[in-house]
């Protein structure tokens, strides 16, 4: 049975696991007005080769876009819960003009985020959902030109239970144009479909089912390795980047032997997984799913015969059990199964297999405002202390007392939001510290710019940096507002991400000198309209959370 009060490590990992969210020198941004004449003559279809056959994309605003390309075979029926298979080949030219289906899923965001915040954050996405969801999308300045451009592969947020790579906020057009890079987004299996672990007793057939969703991403990276040169990209220079659950996926892939050599740089935004789900707990949760469905203990084969909607309904019921308003304890997340994931990603140290991979990692100053915005302003200290217990376990009392002492005039809600935001940051900093002990450089940031929407109450909230990284602020005025000064922050952040993808160093002329992170100086870039580097900001809270996370 589940522990009534989880450790702070498992609680913090589980919290971020369900967080919905719905990322050499830099390259100059060419104003779109200067490209109008060329773009007017540069529209229409474009064809590219893949190992499976030719695909037809579209050219718009000077960027070639290919959508819905299969990187794996069907994952339904007998393939449900199993490792991904290779995509089927075809003759002729197949259209790649529309996004493929999202993974079949049930949204958890509505239960945890206020309606006004959902309206500000969520952008249009394809409505179609299916178990057979292994599709990717590509934006590139050109195809088959030997361009050897840096490749940036985005892993979407939504914890491990929802989301897709086809949400409008992840459109790669502007980023591909700004940086002369190839942008890839993808869909993979989520929730129970991607992370059901029956345990060793179920036999070798099920040995990797607890990380099937992560193996999907590996299959996508293998497809990129084998095909991206046809789309103007360099398979020898691939950067993973992702936010929230996507950032956690990045840290997981750093520890997966199957992914070794498939990417060369890594960026984790507002999501770092220090510990994966323990196999014992994962096995217990799989048994609970069978019970929820009325199946006999151990009858996991029957799960492959059930309609997917029924399986997802059972997942939803499990997510709702034993959850208060601040509890994000989630089953069906990646498992330290000893096979696909040999151990915990960053515990007790950074994985040796990715020691040579540079890392850029950071969080937003006010992560938790997105999740607590709708909570009553009449929250008492007792209520906040209870909420703290659901993310910090037995450490909640001393932790709350610390924040109440440092914030004597703050409301209880503000105390809880500050502590929760620091927990996000602490996990990322622990990953950064352990990674910095290896040979490759680590760069740490904190996003401090506060959005004016919703009367400024969201501040520098979770997911706010995404449109600045993608140069998509004009697609998301509901989240960023419309102030012209946003452009200066886009120039700083998007160009830094591109520079890192190109060389493994985010430095460019538009930002202050950004030293690599180390255990002594702990240099941190604070992104704002006027960005600055500060050494070890929030040191006292960092030390406090580190002690809790490493117990």
Protein backbone atom coordinates (compact mmCIF):
# COMPACT_ATOMS: atom_id res chain seq x y z
CA UNK A 1 0.00 0.00 0.00
CA UNK A 2 1.05 3.60 -0.48
CA UNK A 3 2.72 5.36 2.37
CA UNK A 4 0.36 7.79 4.05
CA UNK A 5 3.11 10.41 4.12
CA UNK A 6 5.63 10.09 1.28
CA UNK A 7 9.23 11.20 1.53
CA UNK A 8 10.03 14.67 0.24
CA UNK A 9 12.00 13.14 -2.64
CA UNK A 10 9.17 10.97 -3.90
CA UNK A 11 6.58 13.66 -3.20
CA UNK A 12 8.47 16.34 -5.07
CA UNK A 13 9.13 14.03 -8.02
CA UNK A 14 5.48 13.00 -8.07
CA UNK A 15 4.29 16.60 -7.87
CA UNK A 16 6.22 17.62 -10.94
CA UNK A 17 5.24 14.38 -12.61
CA UNK A 18 1.60 15.51 -12.78
CA UNK A 19 2.19 19.19 -13.36
CA UNK A 20 0.26 20.12 -16.47
CA UNK A 21 1.50 22.54 -18.94
CA UNK A 22 0.33 22.96 -21.06
CA UNK A 23 11.27 25.34 -23.88
CA UNK A 24 29.58 29.47 -30.19
CA UNK A 25 27.71 32.74 -30.73
CA UNK A 26 24.05 33.33 -31.17
CA UNK A 27 22.24 33.85 -34.45
CA UNK A 28 20.72 37.19 -35.34
CA UNK A 29 16.96 37.39 -35.85
CA UNK A 30 16.06 38.52 -39.35
CA UNK A 31 12.98 40.79 -39.22
CA UNK A 32 10.05 39.18 -40.97
CA UNK A 33 9.39 42.31 -43.00
CA UNK A 34 12.75 41.87 -44.74
CA UNK A 35 11.74 38.42 -45.88
CA UNK A 36 8.36 39.26 -47.41
CA UNK A 37 9.52 39.38 -51.00
CA UNK A 38 11.30 36.04 -50.74
CA UNK A 39 8.49 34.40 -48.79
CA UNK A 40 5.88 35.46 -51.31
CA UNK A 41 7.72 33.34 -53.87
CA UNK A 42 8.51 30.53 -51.46
CA UNK A 43 5.16 28.91 -50.67
CA UNK A 44 3.61 25.57 -51.55
CA UNK A 45 4.49 21.88 -51.28
CA UNK A 46 7.93 20.43 -50.63
CA UNK A 47 9.07 16.79 -50.73
CA UNK A 48 11.69 15.08 -48.54
CA UNK A 49 13.05 11.55 -48.34
CA UNK A 50 12.84 9.26 -45.32
CA UNK A 51 13.94 5.66 -44.84
CA UNK A 52 10.31 4.58 -45.14
CA UNK A 53 9.38 6.66 -48.19
CA UNK A 54 8.90 10.22 -49.39
CA UNK A 55 6.81 12.80 -47.53
CA UNK A 56 5.14 15.95 -48.75
CA UNK A 57 5.20 19.00 -46.50
CA UNK A 58 4.25 22.64 -46.95
CA UNK A 59 6.28 25.83 -47.16
CA UNK A 60 4.91 28.80 -45.27
CA UNK A 61 6.67 32.03 -44.36
CA UNK A 62 9.88 30.60 -45.76
CA UNK A 63 9.91 27.57 -43.44
CA UNK A 64 9.23 23.99 -44.55
CA UNK A 65 6.88 22.15 -42.22
CA UNK A 66 6.21 18.41 -42.13
CA UNK A 67 3.57 17.15 -39.72
CA UNK A 68 2.34 13.79 -38.51
CA UNK A 69 5.23 11.64 -39.73
CA UNK A 70 5.16 8.15 -38.19
CA UNK A 71 8.38 7.30 -36.34
CA UNK A 72 7.03 4.02 -34.98
CA UNK A 73 4.45 1.37 -35.70
CA UNK A 74 1.03 0.83 -34.06
CA UNK A 75 0.95 0.70 -30.25
CA UNK A 76 -2.57 -0.68 -29.83
CA UNK A 77 -3.88 -4.24 -29.60
CA UNK A 78 -1.09 -6.75 -29.06
CA UNK A 79 1.41 -3.86 -29.01
CA UNK A 80 -0.26 -2.09 -26.06
CA UNK A 81 2.32 -1.61 -23.25
CA UNK A 82 5.03 -3.14 -25.43
CA UNK A 83 8.21 -1.48 -26.77
CA UNK A 84 7.75 0.57 -29.95
CA UNK A 85 8.26 -1.04 -33.35
CA UNK A 86 9.65 0.41 -36.57
CA UNK A 87 7.29 2.39 -38.82
CA UNK A 88 5.94 0.76 -41.96
CA UNK A 89 7.28 1.76 -45.39
CA UNK A 90 5.16 3.05 -48.28
CA UNK A 91 5.41 3.69 -51.98
CA UNK A 92 4.83 7.04 -53.64
CA UNK A 93 4.64 10.29 -51.69
CA UNK A 94 2.74 10.46 -48.41
CA UNK A 95 1.23 13.74 -47.22
CA UNK A 96 2.75 15.17 -44.04
CA UNK A 97 0.46 18.20 -43.91
CA UNK A 98 -1.54 17.65 -40.71
CA UNK A 99 -0.64 16.75 -37.15
CA UNK A 100 -1.10 13.16 -36.07
CA UNK A 101 -3.31 12.19 -33.13
CA UNK A 102 -2.40 12.94 -29.56
CA UNK A 103 -1.87 9.97 -27.28
CA UNK A 104 -5.21 8.83 -25.86
CA UNK A 105 -5.45 10.66 -22.54
CA UNK A 106 -7.60 12.23 -19.85
CA UNK A 107 -6.80 15.81 -18.90
CA UNK A 108 -5.66 16.43 -15.35
CA UNK A 109 -5.11 20.17 -15.78
CA UNK A 110 -8.70 21.13 -15.10
CA UNK A 111 -8.62 19.54 -11.67
CA UNK A 112 -5.51 21.43 -10.59
CA UNK A 113 -5.57 24.77 -12.38
CA UNK A 114 -8.11 27.62 -12.22
CA UNK A 115 -10.30 28.14 -15.28
CA UNK A 116 -8.91 31.61 -15.91
CA UNK A 117 -5.37 30.24 -15.91
CA UNK A 118 -6.30 27.43 -18.30
CA UNK A 119 -7.74 30.04 -20.66
CA UNK A 120 -4.51 32.04 -20.50
CA UNK A 121 -2.19 29.06 -20.91
CA UNK A 122 -3.78 26.50 -23.21
CA UNK A 123 -3.37 26.96 -26.97
CA UNK A 124 -5.18 25.07 -29.77
CA UNK A 125 -4.25 21.46 -30.33
CA UNK A 126 -5.43 18.66 -32.57
CA UNK A 127 -8.58 17.04 -31.20
CA UNK A 128 -7.94 13.54 -32.50
CA UNK A 129 -6.61 11.06 -29.94
CA UNK A 130 -5.45 7.48 -30.40
CA UNK A 131 -3.27 4.80 -28.89
CA UNK A 132 -1.43 4.79 -32.22
CA UNK A 133 0.21 8.14 -31.65
CA UNK A 134 3.90 7.79 -32.53
CA UNK A 135 4.16 10.85 -34.77
CA UNK A 136 6.61 13.72 -35.08
CA UNK A 137 6.65 17.15 -36.70
CA UNK A 138 9.52 19.04 -38.33
CA UNK A 139 10.16 22.71 -39.14
CA UNK A 140 13.24 23.49 -41.23
CA UNK A 141 14.59 26.35 -43.34
CA UNK A 142 15.35 23.93 -46.19
CA UNK A 143 15.55 20.26 -47.16
CA UNK A 144 18.23 18.16 -48.86
CA UNK A 145 20.66 21.08 -49.01
CA UNK A 146 23.46 19.59 -46.88
CA UNK A 147 22.78 22.33 -44.35
CA UNK A 148 23.85 20.31 -41.27
CA UNK A 149 21.81 22.61 -39.05
CA UNK A 150 21.53 22.06 -35.30
CA UNK A 151 18.48 19.93 -34.47
CA UNK A 152 16.29 20.89 -31.50
CA UNK A 153 13.94 18.12 -30.33
CA UNK A 154 11.16 19.35 -28.02
CA UNK A 155 9.54 17.16 -25.37
CA UNK A 156 6.14 18.48 -24.34
CA UNK A 157 4.88 19.13 -20.82
CA UNK A 158 1.81 17.75 -19.09
CA UNK A 159 3.63 15.58 -16.61
CA UNK A 160 3.61 12.03 -17.88
CA UNK A 161 -0.17 11.89 -18.32
CA UNK A 162 -1.21 14.47 -20.91
CA UNK A 163 -0.14 16.91 -23.62
CA UNK A 164 1.20 16.65 -27.15
CA UNK A 165 3.83 18.07 -29.46
CA UNK A 166 1.19 19.62 -31.69
CA UNK A 167 -0.05 22.35 -29.33
CA UNK A 168 0.12 25.74 -31.06
CA UNK A 169 2.52 27.12 -28.45
CA UNK A 170 5.14 24.64 -29.73
CA UNK A 171 4.95 25.71 -33.36
CA UNK A 172 8.57 25.68 -34.54
CA UNK A 173 8.32 28.17 -37.41
CA UNK A 174 9.76 31.22 -35.65
CA UNK A 175 12.48 29.29 -33.82
CA UNK A 176 13.64 27.56 -37.02
CA UNK A 177 13.79 30.89 -38.82
CA UNK A 178 15.49 32.79 -36.01
CA UNK A 179 18.27 30.28 -35.49
CA UNK A 180 18.60 28.51 -38.85
CA UNK A 181 17.87 25.31 -36.92
CA UNK A 182 15.64 22.27 -37.43
CA UNK A 183 12.87 21.97 -34.81
CA UNK A 184 11.20 18.64 -34.03
CA UNK A 185 8.21 17.98 -31.76
CA UNK A 186 6.64 14.60 -31.07
CA UNK A 187 3.89 12.58 -29.44
CA UNK A 188 4.47 9.46 -27.37
CA UNK A 189 2.53 7.21 -25.03
CA UNK A 190 1.42 8.70 -21.73
CA UNK A 191 -0.05 7.65 -18.40
CA UNK A 192 -1.01 4.02 -17.99
CA UNK A 193 -0.34 3.36 -21.71
CA UNK A 194 3.27 4.44 -21.34
CA UNK A 195 4.17 3.60 -17.75
CA UNK A 196 2.43 0.46 -16.47
CA UNK A 197 4.87 -1.78 -14.57
CA UNK A 198 3.50 -5.17 -13.44
CA UNK A 199 6.85 -6.19 -11.98
CA UNK A 200 9.22 -9.09 -12.47
CA UNK A 201 6.54 -11.68 -11.73
CA UNK A 202 4.75 -10.76 -14.97
CA UNK A 203 7.65 -12.14 -17.01
CA UNK A 204 10.10 -10.87 -19.61
CA UNK A 205 7.32 -9.75 -21.97
CA UNK A 206 6.46 -6.93 -19.57
CA UNK A 207 10.02 -6.11 -18.49
CA UNK A 208 10.11 -2.69 -20.21
CA UNK A 209 6.43 -1.70 -20.04
CA UNK A 210 7.03 0.65 -17.12
CA UNK A 211 9.06 2.88 -19.44
CA UNK A 212 7.37 2.28 -22.80
CA UNK A 213 6.67 6.00 -23.17
CA UNK A 214 10.35 6.80 -22.72
CA UNK A 215 11.30 4.11 -25.23
CA UNK A 216 8.96 5.86 -27.67
CA UNK A 217 11.10 8.98 -27.34
CA UNK A 218 14.22 6.89 -27.93
CA UNK A 219 12.58 5.55 -31.12
CA UNK A 220 11.89 9.13 -32.21
CA UNK A 221 15.54 10.05 -31.62
CA UNK A 222 16.63 7.03 -33.63
CA UNK A 223 14.36 8.22 -36.46
CA UNK A 224 15.97 11.67 -36.22
CA UNK A 225 19.43 10.11 -36.40
CA UNK A 226 18.51 8.13 -39.51
CA UNK A 227 16.48 10.76 -41.38
CA UNK A 228 17.09 14.32 -40.26
CA UNK A 229 19.87 15.00 -42.79
CA UNK A 230 17.20 14.87 -45.50
CA UNK A 231 15.50 17.76 -43.70
CA UNK A 232 18.63 19.91 -43.56
CA UNK A 233 19.64 18.85 -40.05
CA UNK A 234 22.81 17.48 -38.51
CA UNK A 235 22.29 14.09 -36.80
CA UNK A 236 25.57 14.70 -34.98
CA UNK A 237 24.25 17.84 -33.27
CA UNK A 238 20.92 17.10 -31.59
CA UNK A 239 19.65 19.05 -28.58
CA UNK A 240 16.85 17.79 -26.35
CA UNK A 241 14.75 20.48 -24.68
CA UNK A 242 11.55 20.25 -22.70
CA UNK A 243 9.49 21.92 -19.99
CA UNK A 244 7.80 20.59 -16.84
CA UNK A 245 7.16 16.90 -17.58
CA UNK A 246 9.22 17.42 -20.72
CA UNK A 247 12.14 18.67 -18.63
CA UNK A 248 11.84 15.58 -16.48
CA UNK A 249 11.93 13.43 -19.62
CA UNK A 250 15.17 15.16 -20.59
CA UNK A 251 16.79 14.29 -17.25
CA UNK A 252 15.56 10.72 -17.58
CA UNK A 253 17.03 10.33 -21.07
CA UNK A 254 20.38 11.45 -19.71
CA UNK A 255 20.29 8.25 -17.61
CA UNK A 256 18.97 5.81 -20.24
CA UNK A 257 21.52 3.58 -21.99
CA UNK A 258 19.20 3.21 -25.00
CA UNK A 259 19.40 6.97 -25.60
CA UNK A 260 23.18 7.25 -25.32
CA UNK A 261 24.69 8.95 -28.37
CA UNK A 262 21.32 9.96 -29.84
CA UNK A 263 21.55 13.53 -28.50
CA UNK A 264 24.45 15.83 -27.71
CA UNK A 265 23.05 18.67 -25.57
CA UNK A 266 20.21 18.84 -23.05
CA UNK A 267 17.93 21.61 -21.77
CA UNK A 268 15.58 21.08 -18.82
CA UNK A 269 13.01 23.80 -18.11
CA UNK A 270 11.04 23.72 -14.84
CA UNK A 271 11.28 19.98 -14.42
CA UNK A 272 14.08 17.76 -13.12
CA UNK A 273 13.68 14.17 -12.00
CA UNK A 274 16.18 13.16 -9.32
CA UNK A 275 14.48 9.84 -8.54
CA UNK A 276 12.18 7.72 -10.68
CA UNK A 277 9.31 5.64 -9.32
CA UNK A 278 10.51 2.69 -7.23
CA UNK A 279 9.64 -0.66 -8.85
CA UNK A 280 7.91 -1.90 -5.69
CA UNK A 281 5.51 1.04 -5.65
CA UNK A 282 4.99 0.82 -9.41
CA UNK A 283 4.06 -2.86 -9.08
CA UNK A 284 1.59 -2.05 -6.31
CA UNK A 285 -0.02 0.64 -8.44
CA UNK A 286 -0.34 -1.74 -11.39
CA UNK A 287 -2.16 -4.18 -9.12
CA UNK A 288 -4.47 -1.40 -7.97
CA UNK A 289 -5.33 -0.69 -11.60
CA UNK A 290 -6.41 -4.30 -12.09
CA UNK A 291 -8.57 -4.06 -8.99
CA UNK A 292 -10.11 -0.81 -10.23
CA UNK A 293 -11.07 -2.62 -13.45
CA UNK A 294 -12.41 -5.65 -11.65
CA UNK A 295 -9.74 -7.96 -13.10
CA UNK A 296 -8.07 -10.84 -11.31
CA UNK A 297 -4.72 -10.16 -9.61
CA UNK A 298 -1.89 -10.68 -12.07
CA UNK A 299 -4.16 -10.79 -15.14
CA UNK A 300 -2.30 -8.09 -17.02
CA UNK A 301 -2.89 -9.80 -20.35
CA UNK A 302 -6.56 -8.89 -19.99
CA UNK A 303 -5.61 -5.21 -20.01
CA UNK A 304 -4.59 -5.52 -23.65
CA UNK A 305 -8.11 -6.64 -24.59
CA UNK A 306 -10.04 -3.83 -22.92
CA UNK A 307 -11.23 -0.70 -24.76
CA UNK A 308 -8.71 2.08 -24.21
CA UNK A 309 -11.39 4.39 -22.77
CA UNK A 310 -12.10 1.90 -19.99
CA UNK A 311 -8.40 1.69 -19.12
CA UNK A 312 -8.13 5.48 -19.05
CA UNK A 313 -11.23 5.76 -16.87
CA UNK A 314 -9.53 3.49 -14.35
CA UNK A 315 -6.40 5.64 -14.53
CA UNK A 316 -8.48 8.73 -13.80
CA UNK A 317 -10.11 7.05 -10.82
CA UNK A 318 -6.68 6.19 -9.41
CA UNK A 319 -5.42 9.73 -9.91
CA UNK A 320 -8.36 11.05 -7.92
CA UNK A 321 -7.94 8.72 -4.97
CA UNK A 322 -6.41 10.07 -1.79
CA UNK A 323 -5.74 13.45 -3.34
CA UNK A 324 -6.44 16.70 -1.55
CA UNK A 325 -6.36 20.05 -3.29
CA UNK A 326 -2.57 20.21 -3.21
CA UNK A 327 -1.70 16.54 -3.64
CA UNK A 328 -0.08 15.62 -6.94
CA UNK A 329 1.03 12.09 -6.07
CA UNK A 330 0.78 10.32 -9.40
CA UNK A 331 1.05 6.72 -10.51
CA UNK A 332 2.13 5.78 -14.00
CA UNK A 333 5.42 7.62 -14.27
CA UNK A 334 8.83 6.22 -15.35
CA UNK A 335 10.19 3.38 -13.24
CA UNK A 336 13.73 2.61 -12.08
CA UNK A 337 13.22 -0.90 -13.43
CA UNK A 338 16.88 -1.92 -13.57
CA UNK A 339 16.67 -2.48 -17.31
CA UNK A 340 15.49 0.49 -19.38
CA UNK A 341 16.38 2.76 -16.48
CA UNK A 342 19.17 1.05 -14.51
CA UNK A 343 18.75 3.29 -11.48
CA UNK A 344 17.48 6.67 -10.39
CA UNK A 345 18.40 9.38 -12.93
CA UNK A 346 20.37 11.69 -10.61
CA UNK A 347 20.64 9.81 -7.35
CA UNK A 348 23.11 9.33 -5.79
CA UNK A 349 25.01 11.09 -8.59
CA UNK A 350 24.72 12.20 -12.21
CA UNK A 351 24.65 9.34 -14.76
CA UNK A 352 28.07 8.50 -16.16
CA UNK A 353 26.71 7.57 -19.60
CA UNK A 354 25.93 11.24 -20.35
CA UNK A 355 28.94 12.84 -18.67
CA UNK A 356 30.00 14.53 -21.93
CA UNK A 357 26.57 16.11 -22.62
CA UNK A 358 26.33 19.84 -21.72
CA UNK A 359 23.23 20.81 -19.73
CA UNK A 360 21.21 24.03 -19.52
CA UNK A 361 18.71 23.90 -16.66
CA UNK A 362 16.49 26.27 -14.72
CA UNK A 363 13.09 27.21 -13.35
CA UNK A 364 10.71 30.16 -13.08
CA UNK A 365 10.62 32.38 -10.01
CA UNK A 366 6.94 31.80 -9.24
CA UNK A 367 6.21 28.29 -10.54
CA UNK A 368 3.37 27.53 -8.14
CA UNK A 369 1.18 30.54 -8.91
CA UNK A 370 -0.21 28.62 -11.88
CA UNK A 371 -1.48 25.86 -9.60
CA UNK A 372 -2.56 27.93 -6.59
CA UNK A 373 -4.02 30.96 -8.38
CA UNK A 374 -7.58 29.75 -7.86
CA UNK A 375 -7.14 28.82 -4.20
CA UNK A 376 -8.89 31.02 -1.69
CA UNK A 377 -7.08 34.10 -0.44
CA UNK A 378 -8.59 33.28 2.97
CA UNK A 379 -6.25 30.31 3.35
CA UNK A 380 -5.03 29.99 6.93
CA UNK A 381 -1.56 29.01 8.09
CA UNK A 382 -3.02 25.68 9.16
CA UNK A 383 -4.37 25.04 5.67
CA UNK A 384 -1.06 26.04 4.11
CA UNK A 385 0.83 23.82 6.52
CA UNK A 386 -1.39 20.92 5.47
CA UNK A 387 -0.71 21.70 1.82
CA UNK A 388 2.99 21.77 2.57
CA UNK A 389 2.67 18.31 4.09
CA UNK A 390 1.44 16.91 0.80
CA UNK A 391 4.63 17.96 -0.97
CA UNK A 392 7.18 17.73 1.85
CA UNK A 393 5.94 14.90 4.07
CA UNK A 394 7.24 14.94 7.63
CA UNK A 395 9.47 17.92 6.87
CA UNK A 396 6.44 20.19 6.38
CA UNK A 397 6.47 21.71 9.87
CA UNK A 398 10.05 23.00 9.98
CA UNK A 399 9.81 23.97 6.32
CA UNK A 400 6.67 26.03 6.81
CA UNK A 401 8.13 27.65 9.92
CA UNK A 402 11.17 28.75 7.92
CA UNK A 403 9.10 30.43 5.22
CA UNK A 404 6.71 32.01 7.70
CA UNK A 405 9.72 33.51 9.53
CA UNK A 406 11.25 34.90 6.32
CA UNK A 407 7.87 36.14 5.04
CA UNK A 408 6.18 37.47 8.19
CA UNK A 409 3.78 39.79 6.34
CA UNK A 410 2.84 37.37 3.55
CA UNK A 411 -0.49 35.57 3.35
CA UNK A 412 -0.55 31.84 3.99
CA UNK A 413 -1.21 31.29 0.29
CA UNK A 414 1.86 33.34 -0.64
CA UNK A 415 4.00 31.36 1.80
CA UNK A 416 2.87 28.09 0.22
CA UNK A 417 3.43 29.40 -3.32
CA UNK A 418 6.94 30.57 -2.47
CA UNK A 419 7.90 27.28 -0.85
CA UNK A 420 6.47 25.22 -3.71
CA UNK A 421 8.31 27.31 -6.28
CA UNK A 422 11.56 26.83 -4.38
CA UNK A 423 10.97 23.08 -4.39
CA UNK A 424 10.93 23.13 -8.20
CA UNK A 425 14.16 25.06 -8.17
CA UNK A 426 15.81 22.83 -5.57
CA UNK A 427 15.38 19.68 -7.67
CA UNK A 428 16.85 21.41 -10.72
CA UNK A 429 19.76 22.78 -8.70
CA UNK A 430 20.51 19.34 -7.25
CA UNK A 431 20.64 17.95 -10.79
CA UNK A 432 22.85 20.89 -11.84
CA UNK A 433 25.20 20.36 -8.90
CA UNK A 434 25.64 16.66 -9.55
CA UNK A 435 25.98 17.18 -13.29
CA UNK A 436 28.56 19.97 -12.77
CA UNK A 437 30.78 17.47 -10.98
CA UNK A 438 31.28 15.75 -14.35
CA UNK A 439 33.23 16.90 -17.39
CA UNK A 440 30.60 18.77 -19.43
CA UNK A 441 29.52 22.34 -18.59
CA UNK A 442 26.22 23.18 -16.88
CA UNK A 443 24.41 26.51 -17.20
CA UNK A 444 21.70 27.51 -14.71
CA UNK A 445 18.99 30.13 -15.15
CA UNK A 446 15.99 31.53 -13.35
CA UNK A 447 13.17 33.22 -15.28
CA UNK A 448 12.09 36.32 -13.36
CA UNK A 449 9.92 38.32 -15.80
CA UNK A 450 6.36 38.73 -14.51
CA UNK A 451 3.41 38.63 -16.86
CA UNK A 452 0.85 41.46 -16.54
CA UNK A 453 -2.15 39.22 -17.35
CA UNK A 454 -4.72 38.39 -14.65
CA UNK A 455 -3.78 41.58 -12.83
CA UNK A 456 -0.20 40.42 -12.51
CA UNK A 457 -1.10 37.70 -10.00
CA UNK A 458 0.61 34.93 -11.97
CA UNK A 459 3.98 36.70 -11.77
CA UNK A 460 6.77 34.53 -13.30
CA UNK A 461 4.60 31.44 -13.39
CA UNK A 462 5.11 27.89 -14.58
CA UNK A 463 5.36 27.60 -18.41
CA UNK A 464 5.64 31.36 -18.94
CA UNK A 465 9.12 31.05 -20.48
CA UNK A 466 7.95 28.73 -23.29
CA UNK A 467 6.75 31.41 -25.74
CA UNK A 468 9.96 33.37 -25.17
CA UNK A 469 12.09 30.34 -26.01
CA UNK A 470 10.06 29.53 -29.13
CA UNK A 471 9.73 33.20 -30.20
CA UNK A 472 5.97 32.68 -30.04
CA UNK A 473 4.86 35.47 -27.70
CA UNK A 474 2.59 36.84 -30.43
CA UNK A 475 0.80 33.48 -30.49
CA UNK A 476 0.16 33.67 -26.72
CA UNK A 477 -0.86 37.21 -25.73
CA UNK A 478 -3.35 35.64 -23.31
CA UNK A 479 -0.34 34.53 -21.25
CA UNK A 480 2.32 37.14 -22.03
CA UNK A 481 0.26 40.25 -22.69
CA UNK A 482 1.03 42.49 -25.68
CA UNK A 483 3.66 44.93 -24.41
CA UNK A 484 6.35 45.64 -27.06
CA UNK A 485 9.18 45.16 -24.54
CA UNK A 486 8.53 41.40 -24.65
CA UNK A 487 10.67 41.35 -27.80
CA UNK A 488 13.85 42.15 -25.86
CA UNK A 489 13.34 39.10 -23.63
CA UNK A 490 12.63 36.93 -26.67
CA UNK A 491 15.92 38.09 -28.17
CA UNK A 492 17.78 37.19 -24.99
CA UNK A 493 16.24 33.77 -24.33
CA UNK A 494 15.52 32.32 -27.75
CA UNK A 495 18.96 33.29 -28.98
CA UNK A 496 20.58 31.75 -25.88
CA UNK A 497 18.77 28.44 -26.48
CA UNK A 498 19.86 28.50 -30.13
CA UNK A 499 23.45 29.30 -29.19
CA UNK A 500 23.48 26.40 -26.74
CA UNK A 501 22.08 24.06 -29.41
CA UNK A 502 24.78 25.21 -31.81
CA UNK A 503 27.82 25.04 -29.53
CA UNK A 504 26.92 23.81 -26.04
CA UNK A 505 27.31 27.35 -24.67
CA UNK A 506 24.35 29.78 -24.36
CA UNK A 507 26.50 32.91 -24.46
CA UNK A 508 25.65 35.56 -27.06
CA UNK A 509 26.16 39.34 -27.32
CA UNK A 510 22.64 40.16 -26.10
CA UNK A 511 23.11 38.88 -22.53
CA UNK A 512 25.63 39.41 -19.72
CA UNK A 513 28.59 37.05 -19.37
CA UNK A 514 27.13 33.69 -18.29
CA UNK A 515 29.70 31.46 -16.53
CA UNK A 516 29.21 27.73 -16.20
CA UNK A 517 27.72 26.54 -12.92
CA UNK A 518 29.95 25.06 -10.23
CA UNK A 519 29.59 24.17 -6.57
CA UNK A 520 31.60 27.20 -5.44
CA UNK A 521 30.24 30.15 -7.40
CA UNK A 522 26.84 28.77 -8.52
CA UNK A 523 26.48 31.43 -11.22
CA UNK A 524 22.83 31.84 -12.25
CA UNK A 525 21.39 33.87 -15.13
CA UNK A 526 18.31 35.78 -13.98
CA UNK A 527 16.28 36.40 -17.14
CA UNK A 528 14.28 39.63 -17.19
CA UNK A 529 14.01 42.70 -19.37
CA UNK A 530 17.41 43.57 -17.89
CA UNK A 531 18.98 40.19 -17.24
CA UNK A 532 21.82 39.72 -14.78
CA UNK A 533 24.04 36.98 -13.38
CA UNK A 534 24.00 36.42 -9.65
CA UNK A 535 25.94 33.90 -7.61
CA UNK A 536 23.87 31.44 -5.57
CA UNK A 537 20.60 33.41 -5.34
CA UNK A 538 18.29 32.13 -2.61
CA UNK A 539 21.17 30.28 -0.96
CA UNK A 540 19.44 29.67 2.38
CA UNK A 541 16.40 28.07 0.76
CA UNK A 542 18.58 26.06 -1.61
CA UNK A 543 20.49 24.56 1.31
CA UNK A 544 17.29 23.85 3.24
CA UNK A 545 15.63 22.02 0.34
CA UNK A 546 18.83 20.18 -0.57
CA UNK A 547 18.99 18.70 2.91
CA UNK A 548 15.42 17.49 2.56
CA UNK A 549 15.87 16.11 -0.95
CA UNK A 550 18.98 14.12 -0.06
CA UNK A 551 17.75 12.51 3.18
